[in-house]
């Protein structure tokens, strides 16, 4: 399995590709997507979808991993811990 990328890294890759193409509109036109859609992805309003990922040579992979145990605490107004508990996964 190859190392994955976070969406922020994908957006950086998209930004670089747009710069190389002469702008977001030009890159979008070359890859069959609207400039507005590219702009929304670059600005973080939308996550890149299949058409953008394909053009960047990427694909989305969803993973589910086991939750670890989590400890929570209840504090009073002075910051003194009143109780701690472990949250069940």
PDB file of N, CA and C in Angstrom:
ATOM      1  N   UNK A   1       0.855  -1.186   0.000  1.00  0.00           N
ATOM      2  CA  UNK A   1       0.000   0.000   0.000  1.00  0.00           C
ATOM      3  C   UNK A   1       0.892   1.238   0.000  1.00  0.00           C
ATOM      4  N   UNK A   2       0.598   2.160  -0.853  1.00  0.00           N
ATOM      5  CA  UNK A   2       1.387   3.383  -0.919  1.00  0.00           C
ATOM      6  C   UNK A   2       0.931   4.360   0.160  1.00  0.00           C
ATOM      7  N   UNK A   3       1.811   5.310   0.432  1.00  0.00           N
ATOM      8  CA  UNK A   3       1.476   6.328   1.426  1.00  0.00           C
ATOM      9  C   UNK A   3       0.361   7.208   0.880  1.00  0.00           C
ATOM     10  N   UNK A   4      -0.587   7.520   1.715  1.00  0.00           N
ATOM     11  CA  UNK A   4      -1.706   8.352   1.301  1.00  0.00           C
ATOM     12  C   UNK A   4      -1.386   9.830   1.431  1.00  0.00           C
ATOM     13  N   UNK A   5      -2.311  10.615   0.940  1.00  0.00           N
ATOM     14  CA  UNK A   5      -2.184  12.073   1.026  1.00  0.00           C
ATOM     15  C   UNK A   5      -3.404  12.600   1.764  1.00  0.00           C
ATOM     16  N   UNK A   6      -3.220  13.679   2.465  1.00  0.00           N
ATOM     17  CA  UNK A   6      -4.336  14.386   3.063  1.00  0.00           C
ATOM     18  C   UNK A   6      -4.912  15.334   2.024  1.00  0.00           C
ATOM     19  N   UNK A   7      -6.159  15.729   2.213  1.00  0.00           N
ATOM     20  CA  UNK A   7      -6.815  16.597   1.235  1.00  0.00           C
ATOM     21  C   UNK A   7      -6.029  17.892   1.032  1.00  0.00           C
ATOM     22  N   UNK A   8      -5.384  18.386   2.068  1.00  0.00           N
ATOM     23  CA  UNK A   8      -4.585  19.606   1.943  1.00  0.00           C
ATOM     24  C   UNK A   8      -3.427  19.409   0.954  1.00  0.00           C
ATOM     25  N   UNK A   9      -2.834  18.220   0.967  1.00  0.00           N
ATOM     26  CA  UNK A   9      -1.749  17.925   0.033  1.00  0.00           C
ATOM     27  C   UNK A   9      -2.270  17.812  -1.400  1.00  0.00           C
ATOM     28  N   UNK A  10      -3.461  17.259  -1.545  1.00  0.00           N
ATOM     29  CA  UNK A  10      -4.085  17.169  -2.866  1.00  0.00           C
ATOM     30  C   UNK A  10      -4.345  18.576  -3.404  1.00  0.00           C
ATOM     31  N   UNK A  11      -4.847  19.454  -2.540  1.00  0.00           N
ATOM     32  CA  UNK A  11      -5.123  20.833  -2.960  1.00  0.00           C
ATOM     33  C   UNK A  11      -3.825  21.533  -3.364  1.00  0.00           C
ATOM     34  N   UNK A  12      -2.752  21.304  -2.632  1.00  0.00           N
ATOM     35  CA  UNK A  12      -1.460  21.894  -3.012  1.00  0.00           C
ATOM     36  C   UNK A  12      -1.012  21.380  -4.376  1.00  0.00           C
ATOM     37  N   UNK A  13      -1.226  20.105  -4.629  1.00  0.00           N
ATOM     38  CA  UNK A  13      -0.889  19.531  -5.935  1.00  0.00           C
ATOM     39  C   UNK A  13      -1.745  20.171  -7.025  1.00  0.00           C
ATOM     40  N   UNK A  14      -3.028  20.393  -6.739  1.00  0.00           N
ATOM     41  CA  UNK A  14      -3.925  21.044  -7.687  1.00  0.00           C
ATOM     42  C   UNK A  14      -3.477  22.480  -7.952  1.00  0.00           C
ATOM     43  N   UNK A  15      -3.110  23.202  -6.905  1.00  0.00           N
ATOM     44  CA  UNK A  15      -2.628  24.580  -7.069  1.00  0.00           C
ATOM     45  C   UNK A  15      -1.399  24.629  -7.980  1.00  0.00           C
ATOM     46  N   UNK A  16      -0.470  23.714  -7.755  1.00  0.00           N
ATOM     47  CA  UNK A  16       0.748  23.679  -8.574  1.00  0.00           C
ATOM     48  C   UNK A  16       0.410  23.356 -10.030  1.00  0.00           C
ATOM     49  N   UNK A  17      -0.513  22.423 -10.238  1.00  0.00           N
ATOM     50  CA  UNK A  17      -0.917  22.060 -11.596  1.00  0.00           C
ATOM     51  C   UNK A  17      -1.592  23.243 -12.288  1.00  0.00           C
ATOM     52  N   UNK A  18      -2.413  23.981 -11.549  1.00  0.00           N
ATOM     53  CA  UNK A  18      -3.079  25.160 -12.115  1.00  0.00           C
ATOM     54  C   UNK A  18      -2.056  26.224 -12.491  1.00  0.00           C
ATOM     55  N   UNK A  19      -1.073  26.424 -11.646  1.00  0.00           N
ATOM     56  CA  UNK A  19      -0.030  27.411 -11.933  1.00  0.00           C
ATOM     57  C   UNK A  19       0.718  27.030 -13.206  1.00  0.00           C
ATOM     58  N   UNK A  20       1.059  25.750 -13.331  1.00  0.00           N
ATOM     59  CA  UNK A  20       1.770  25.275 -14.519  1.00  0.00           C
ATOM     60  C   UNK A  20       0.924  25.417 -15.783  1.00  0.00           C
ATOM     61  N   UNK A  21      -0.405  25.309 -15.638  1.00  0.00           N
ATOM     62  CA  UNK A  21      -1.307  25.383 -16.792  1.00  0.00           C
ATOM     63  C   UNK A  21      -1.677  26.815 -17.168  1.00  0.00           C
ATOM     64  N   UNK A  22      -1.309  27.764 -16.326  1.00  0.00           N
ATOM     65  CA  UNK A  22      -1.643  29.153 -16.614  1.00  0.00           C
ATOM     66  C   UNK A  22      -2.873  29.651 -15.895  1.00  0.00           C
ATOM     67  N   UNK A  23      -3.340  28.921 -14.906  1.00  0.00           N
ATOM     68  CA  UNK A  23      -4.471  29.364 -14.096  1.00  0.00           C
ATOM     69  C   UNK A  23      -5.511  28.269 -13.914  1.00  0.00           C
ATOM     70  N   UNK A  24      -6.423  28.524 -13.000  1.00  0.00           N
ATOM     71  CA  UNK A  24      -7.454  27.546 -12.662  1.00  0.00           C
ATOM     72  C   UNK A  24      -8.402  27.282 -13.826  1.00  0.00           C
ATOM     73  N   UNK A  25      -8.779  28.338 -14.542  1.00  0.00           N
ATOM     74  CA  UNK A  25      -9.696  28.184 -15.673  1.00  0.00           C
ATOM     75  C   UNK A  25      -9.040  27.371 -16.778  1.00  0.00           C
ATOM     76  N   UNK A  26      -7.789  27.668 -17.056  1.00  0.00           N
ATOM     77  CA  UNK A  26      -7.066  26.937 -18.102  1.00  0.00           C
ATOM     78  C   UNK A  26      -6.907  25.461 -17.727  1.00  0.00           C
ATOM     79  N   UNK A  27      -6.549  25.205 -16.478  1.00  0.00           N
ATOM     80  CA  UNK A  27      -6.380  23.820 -16.045  1.00  0.00           C
ATOM     81  C   UNK A  27      -7.717  23.086 -16.114  1.00  0.00           C
ATOM     82  N   UNK A  28      -8.775  23.732 -15.645  1.00  0.00           N
ATOM     83  CA  UNK A  28     -10.093  23.111 -15.687  1.00  0.00           C
ATOM     84  C   UNK A  28     -10.523  22.797 -17.113  1.00  0.00           C
ATOM     85  N   UNK A  29     -10.328  23.749 -18.022  1.00  0.00           N
ATOM     86  CA  UNK A  29     -10.712  23.534 -19.421  1.00  0.00           C
ATOM     87  C   UNK A  29      -9.940  22.362 -20.027  1.00  0.00           C
ATOM     88  N   UNK A  30      -8.676  22.243 -19.689  1.00  0.00           N
ATOM     89  CA  UNK A  30      -7.847  21.168 -20.227  1.00  0.00           C
ATOM     90  C   UNK A  30      -8.268  19.799 -19.701  1.00  0.00           C
ATOM     91  N   UNK A  31      -8.980  19.792 -18.556  1.00  0.00           N
ATOM     92  CA  UNK A  31      -9.349  18.515 -17.937  1.00  0.00           C
ATOM     93  C   UNK A  31     -10.859  18.304 -17.839  1.00  0.00           C
ATOM     94  N   UNK A  32     -11.610  19.153 -18.515  1.00  0.00           N
ATOM     95  CA  UNK A  32     -13.053  18.950 -18.595  1.00  0.00           C
ATOM     96  C   UNK A  32     -13.834  19.298 -17.346  1.00  0.00           C
ATOM     97  N   UNK A  33     -13.312  20.193 -16.537  1.00  0.00           N
ATOM     98  CA  UNK A  33     -14.047  20.644 -15.348  1.00  0.00           C
ATOM     99  C   UNK A  33     -14.115  22.167 -15.366  1.00  0.00           C
ATOM    100  N   UNK A  34     -15.105  22.717 -14.731  1.00  0.00           N
ATOM    101  CA  UNK A  34     -15.277  24.165 -14.757  1.00  0.00           C
ATOM    102  C   UNK A  34     -14.242  24.862 -13.883  1.00  0.00           C
ATOM    103  N   UNK A  35     -13.902  26.058 -14.286  1.00  0.00           N
ATOM    104  CA  UNK A  35     -12.989  26.869 -13.490  1.00  0.00           C
ATOM    105  C   UNK A  35     -13.546  27.160 -12.113  1.00  0.00           C
ATOM    106  N   UNK A  36     -14.874  27.319 -12.032  1.00  0.00           N
ATOM    107  CA  UNK A  36     -15.509  27.583 -10.734  1.00  0.00           C
ATOM    108  C   UNK A  36     -15.337  26.402  -9.780  1.00  0.00           C
ATOM    109  N   UNK A  37     -15.458  25.192 -10.316  1.00  0.00           N
ATOM    110  CA  UNK A  37     -15.283  23.987  -9.502  1.00  0.00           C
ATOM    111  C   UNK A  37     -13.836  23.895  -9.012  1.00  0.00           C
ATOM    112  N   UNK A  38     -12.884  24.149  -9.909  1.00  0.00           N
ATOM    113  CA  UNK A  38     -11.470  24.131  -9.525  1.00  0.00           C
ATOM    114  C   UNK A  38     -11.228  25.180  -8.443  1.00  0.00           C
ATOM    115  N   UNK A  39     -11.772  26.372  -8.638  1.00  0.00           N
ATOM    116  CA  UNK A  39     -11.616  27.454  -7.665  1.00  0.00           C
ATOM    117  C   UNK A  39     -12.172  27.044  -6.300  1.00  0.00           C
ATOM    118  N   UNK A  40     -13.347  26.434  -6.286  1.00  0.00           N
ATOM    119  CA  UNK A  40     -13.939  25.987  -5.023  1.00  0.00           C
ATOM    120  C   UNK A  40     -13.047  24.971  -4.316  1.00  0.00           C
ATOM    121  N   UNK A  41     -12.433  24.083  -5.071  1.00  0.00           N
ATOM    122  CA  UNK A  41     -11.542  23.082  -4.465  1.00  0.00           C
ATOM    123  C   UNK A  41     -10.278  23.740  -3.927  1.00  0.00           C
ATOM    124  N   UNK A  42      -9.715  24.656  -4.685  1.00  0.00           N
ATOM    125  CA  UNK A  42      -8.502  25.351  -4.254  1.00  0.00           C
ATOM    126  C   UNK A  42      -8.770  26.163  -2.996  1.00  0.00           C
ATOM    127  N   UNK A  43      -9.943  26.759  -2.892  1.00  0.00           N
ATOM    128  CA  UNK A  43     -10.292  27.590  -1.732  1.00  0.00           C
ATOM    129  C   UNK A  43     -10.821  26.777  -0.542  1.00  0.00           C
ATOM    130  N   UNK A  44     -10.956  25.455  -0.706  1.00  0.00           N
ATOM    131  CA  UNK A  44     -11.407  24.609   0.398  1.00  0.00           C
ATOM    132  C   UNK A  44     -12.912  24.570   0.584  1.00  0.00           C
ATOM    133  N   UNK A  45     -13.659  25.111  -0.365  1.00  0.00           N
ATOM    134  CA  UNK A  45     -15.122  25.071  -0.265  1.00  0.00           C
ATOM    135  C   UNK A  45     -15.661  23.692  -0.602  1.00  0.00           C
ATOM    136  N   UNK A  46     -14.918  22.958  -1.441  1.00  0.00           N
ATOM    137  CA  UNK A  46     -15.307  21.601  -1.845  1.00  0.00           C
ATOM    138  C   UNK A  46     -14.064  20.727  -1.847  1.00  0.00           C
ATOM    139  N   UNK A  47     -14.258  19.451  -1.598  1.00  0.00           N
ATOM    140  CA  UNK A  47     -13.160  18.507  -1.748  1.00  0.00           C
ATOM    141  C   UNK A  47     -13.045  18.135  -3.222  1.00  0.00           C
ATOM    142  N   UNK A  48     -11.834  17.894  -3.699  1.00  0.00           N
ATOM    143  CA  UNK A  48     -11.679  17.476  -5.093  1.00  0.00           C
ATOM    144  C   UNK A  48     -12.409  16.159  -5.339  1.00  0.00           C
ATOM    145  N   UNK A  49     -13.164  16.108  -6.412  1.00  0.00           N
ATOM    146  CA  UNK A  49     -13.912  14.913  -6.774  1.00  0.00           C
ATOM    147  C   UNK A  49     -13.170  14.071  -7.793  1.00  0.00           C
ATOM    148  N   UNK A  50     -13.866  13.076  -8.302  1.00  0.00           N
ATOM    149  CA  UNK A  50     -13.277  12.088  -9.200  1.00  0.00           C
ATOM    150  C   UNK A  50     -12.603  12.714 -10.414  1.00  0.00           C
ATOM    151  N   UNK A  51     -13.236  13.701 -11.050  1.00  0.00           N
ATOM    152  CA  UNK A  51     -12.657  14.278 -12.268  1.00  0.00           C
ATOM    153  C   UNK A  51     -11.333  14.991 -11.988  1.00  0.00           C
ATOM    154  N   UNK A  52     -11.260  15.707 -10.901  1.00  0.00           N
ATOM    155  CA  UNK A  52     -10.010  16.393 -10.550  1.00  0.00           C
ATOM    156  C   UNK A  52      -8.964  15.383 -10.100  1.00  0.00           C
ATOM    157  N   UNK A  53      -9.363  14.430  -9.283  1.00  0.00           N
ATOM    158  CA  UNK A  53      -8.410  13.420  -8.814  1.00  0.00           C
ATOM    159  C   UNK A  53      -7.823  12.637  -9.979  1.00  0.00           C
ATOM    160  N   UNK A  54      -8.669  12.244 -10.925  1.00  0.00           N
ATOM    161  CA  UNK A  54      -8.195  11.502 -12.092  1.00  0.00           C
ATOM    162  C   UNK A  54      -7.169  12.334 -12.870  1.00  0.00           C
ATOM    163  N   UNK A  55      -7.468  13.607 -13.068  1.00  0.00           N
ATOM    164  CA  UNK A  55      -6.563  14.482 -13.814  1.00  0.00           C
ATOM    165  C   UNK A  55      -5.223  14.651 -13.088  1.00  0.00           C
ATOM    166  N   UNK A  56      -5.231  14.544 -11.775  1.00  0.00           N
ATOM    167  CA  UNK A  56      -3.998  14.654 -10.980  1.00  0.00           C
ATOM    168  C   UNK A  56      -3.292  13.306 -10.817  1.00  0.00           C
ATOM    169  N   UNK A  57      -3.903  12.250 -11.366  1.00  0.00           N
ATOM    170  CA  UNK A  57      -3.317  10.923 -11.235  1.00  0.00           C
ATOM    171  C   UNK A  57      -3.538  10.304  -9.869  1.00  0.00           C
ATOM    172  N   UNK A  58      -4.640  10.694  -9.227  1.00  0.00           N
ATOM    173  CA  UNK A  58      -4.952  10.210  -7.879  1.00  0.00           C
ATOM    174  C   UNK A  58      -6.301   9.513  -7.863  1.00  0.00           C
ATOM    175  N   UNK A  59      -6.547   8.767  -6.804  1.00  0.00           N
ATOM    176  CA  UNK A  59      -7.870   8.214  -6.552  1.00  0.00           C
ATOM    177  C   UNK A  59      -8.144   8.285  -5.057  1.00  0.00           C
ATOM    178  N   UNK A  60      -9.432   8.385  -4.723  1.00  0.00           N
ATOM    179  CA  UNK A  60      -9.831   8.471  -3.319  1.00  0.00           C
ATOM    180  C   UNK A  60      -9.902   7.060  -2.748  1.00  0.00           C
ATOM    181  N   UNK A  61      -9.400   6.908  -1.539  1.00  0.00           N
ATOM    182  CA  UNK A  61      -9.489   5.641  -0.821  1.00  0.00           C
ATOM    183  C   UNK A  61      -9.983   5.941   0.584  1.00  0.00           C
ATOM    184  N   UNK A  62     -11.107   5.382   0.939  1.00  0.00           N
ATOM    185  CA  UNK A  62     -11.667   5.583   2.274  1.00  0.00           C
ATOM    186  C   UNK A  62     -11.212   4.438   3.154  1.00  0.00           C
ATOM    187  N   UNK A  63     -10.712   4.780   4.336  1.00  0.00           N
ATOM    188  CA  UNK A  63     -10.269   3.749   5.270  1.00  0.00           C
ATOM    189  C   UNK A  63     -11.009   3.907   6.590  1.00  0.00           C
ATOM    190  N   UNK A  64     -11.256   2.802   7.219  1.00  0.00           N
ATOM    191  CA  UNK A  64     -11.839   2.779   8.552  1.00  0.00           C
ATOM    192  C   UNK A  64     -10.849   2.074   9.460  1.00  0.00           C
ATOM    193  N   UNK A  65     -10.527   2.713  10.563  1.00  0.00           N
ATOM    194  CA  UNK A  65      -9.559   2.139  11.481  1.00  0.00           C
ATOM    195  C   UNK A  65     -10.189   2.035  12.875  1.00  0.00           C
ATOM    196  N   UNK A  66      -9.721   1.095  13.673  1.00  0.00           N
ATOM    197  CA  UNK A  66     -10.304   0.932  15.007  1.00  0.00           C
ATOM    198  C   UNK A  66     -10.067   2.162  15.865  1.00  0.00           C
ATOM    199  N   UNK A  67     -11.049   2.462  16.669  1.00  0.00           N
ATOM    200  CA  UNK A  67     -10.905   3.570  17.613  1.00  0.00           C
ATOM    201  C   UNK A  67     -10.100   3.104  18.804  1.00  0.00           C
ATOM    202  N   UNK A  68      -9.304   4.010  19.306  1.00  0.00           N
ATOM    203  CA  UNK A  68      -8.604   3.742  20.554  1.00  0.00           C
ATOM    204  C   UNK A  68      -9.483   4.195  21.712  1.00  0.00           C
ATOM    205  N   UNK A  69      -9.130   3.761  22.874  1.00  0.00           N
ATOM    206  CA  UNK A  69      -9.874   4.213  24.046  1.00  0.00           C
ATOM    207  C   UNK A  69      -9.563   5.678  24.287  1.00  0.00           C
ATOM    208  N   UNK A  70     -10.536   6.393  24.779  1.00  0.00           N
ATOM    209  CA  UNK A  70     -10.396   7.825  25.010  1.00  0.00           C
ATOM    210  C   UNK A  70     -10.765   8.127  26.450  1.00  0.00           C
ATOM    211  N   UNK A  71      -9.962   8.945  27.090  1.00  0.00           N
ATOM    212  CA  UNK A  71     -10.246   9.353  28.458  1.00  0.00           C
ATOM    213  C   UNK A  71     -10.800  10.768  28.443  1.00  0.00           C
ATOM    214  N   UNK A  72     -11.890  10.965  29.159  1.00  0.00           N
ATOM    215  CA  UNK A  72     -12.476  12.293  29.287  1.00  0.00           C
ATOM    216  C   UNK A  72     -12.468  12.687  30.760  1.00  0.00           C
ATOM    217  N   UNK A  73     -12.508  13.978  31.011  1.00  0.00           N
ATOM    218  CA  UNK A  73     -12.467  14.454  32.391  1.00  0.00           C
ATOM    219  C   UNK A  73     -13.474  15.572  32.575  1.00  0.00           C
ATOM    220  N   UNK A  74     -13.968  15.709  33.780  1.00  0.00           N
ATOM    221  CA  UNK A  74     -14.879  16.785  34.158  1.00  0.00           C
ATOM    222  C   UNK A  74     -14.134  17.639  35.185  1.00  0.00           C
ATOM    223  N   UNK A  75     -14.092  18.957  34.920  1.00  0.00           N
ATOM    224  CA  UNK A  75     -13.354  19.879  35.782  1.00  0.00           C
ATOM    225  C   UNK A  75     -14.306  20.873  36.439  1.00  0.00           C
ATOM    226  N   UNK A  76     -13.897  21.385  37.609  1.00  0.00           N
ATOM    227  CA  UNK A  76     -14.678  22.453  38.224  1.00  0.00           C
ATOM    228  C   UNK A  76     -14.195  23.800  37.685  1.00  0.00           C
ATOM    229  N   UNK A  77     -14.764  24.886  38.168  1.00  0.00           N
ATOM    230  CA  UNK A  77     -14.453  26.219  37.668  1.00  0.00           C
ATOM    231  C   UNK A  77     -12.989  26.605  37.896  1.00  0.00           C
ATOM    232  N   UNK A  78     -12.335  25.975  38.877  1.00  0.00           N
ATOM    233  CA  UNK A  78     -10.935  26.272  39.171  1.00  0.00           C
ATOM    234  C   UNK A  78      -9.970  25.364  38.410  1.00  0.00           C
ATOM    235  N   UNK A  79     -10.501  24.484  37.581  1.00  0.00           N
ATOM    236  CA  UNK A  79      -9.665  23.585  36.806  1.00  0.00           C
ATOM    237  C   UNK A  79      -9.268  22.324  37.530  1.00  0.00           C
ATOM    238  N   UNK A  80      -9.890  22.075  38.677  1.00  0.00           N
ATOM    239  CA  UNK A  80      -9.600  20.861  39.436  1.00  0.00           C
ATOM    240  C   UNK A  80     -10.394  19.718  38.822  1.00  0.00           C
ATOM    241  N   UNK A  81      -9.723  18.587  38.596  1.00  0.00           N
ATOM    242  CA  UNK A  81     -10.388  17.422  38.016  1.00  0.00           C
ATOM    243  C   UNK A  81     -11.342  16.821  39.036  1.00  0.00           C
ATOM    244  N   UNK A  82     -12.609  16.719  38.638  1.00  0.00           N
ATOM    245  CA  UNK A  82     -13.619  16.125  39.515  1.00  0.00           C
ATOM    246  C   UNK A  82     -13.739  14.630  39.283  1.00  0.00           C
ATOM    247  N   UNK A  83     -13.702  14.235  37.999  1.00  0.00           N
ATOM    248  CA  UNK A  83     -13.831  12.812  37.683  1.00  0.00           C
ATOM    249  C   UNK A  83     -13.252  12.573  36.292  1.00  0.00           C
ATOM    250  N   UNK A  84     -12.685  11.390  36.085  1.00  0.00           N
ATOM    251  CA  UNK A  84     -12.234  10.981  34.768  1.00  0.00           C
ATOM    252  C   UNK A  84     -12.915   9.661  34.445  1.00  0.00           C
ATOM    253  N   UNK A  85     -13.107   9.427  33.179  1.00  0.00           N
ATOM    254  CA  UNK A  85     -13.749   8.189  32.732  1.00  0.00           C
ATOM    255  C   UNK A  85     -13.190   7.807  31.378  1.00  0.00           C
ATOM    256  N   UNK A  86     -13.233   6.519  31.097  1.00  0.00           N
ATOM    257  CA  UNK A  86     -12.793   6.026  29.797  1.00  0.00           C
ATOM    258  C   UNK A  86     -14.023   5.821  28.935  1.00  0.00           C
ATOM    259  N   UNK A  87     -13.990   6.388  27.738  1.00  0.00           N
ATOM    260  CA  UNK A  87     -15.109   6.260  26.802  1.00  0.00           C
ATOM    261  C   UNK A  87     -14.940   4.947  26.061  1.00  0.00           C
ATOM    262  N   UNK A  88     -15.993   4.187  25.975  1.00  0.00           N
ATOM    263  CA  UNK A  88     -15.928   2.924  25.259  1.00  0.00           C
ATOM    264  C   UNK A  88     -15.951   3.174  23.758  1.00  0.00           C
ATOM    265  N   UNK A  89     -15.167   2.376  23.018  1.00  0.00           N
ATOM    266  CA  UNK A  89     -15.152   2.558  21.565  1.00  0.00           C
ATOM    267  C   UNK A  89     -16.460   2.165  20.917  1.00  0.00           C
TER     268      UNK A  89
END
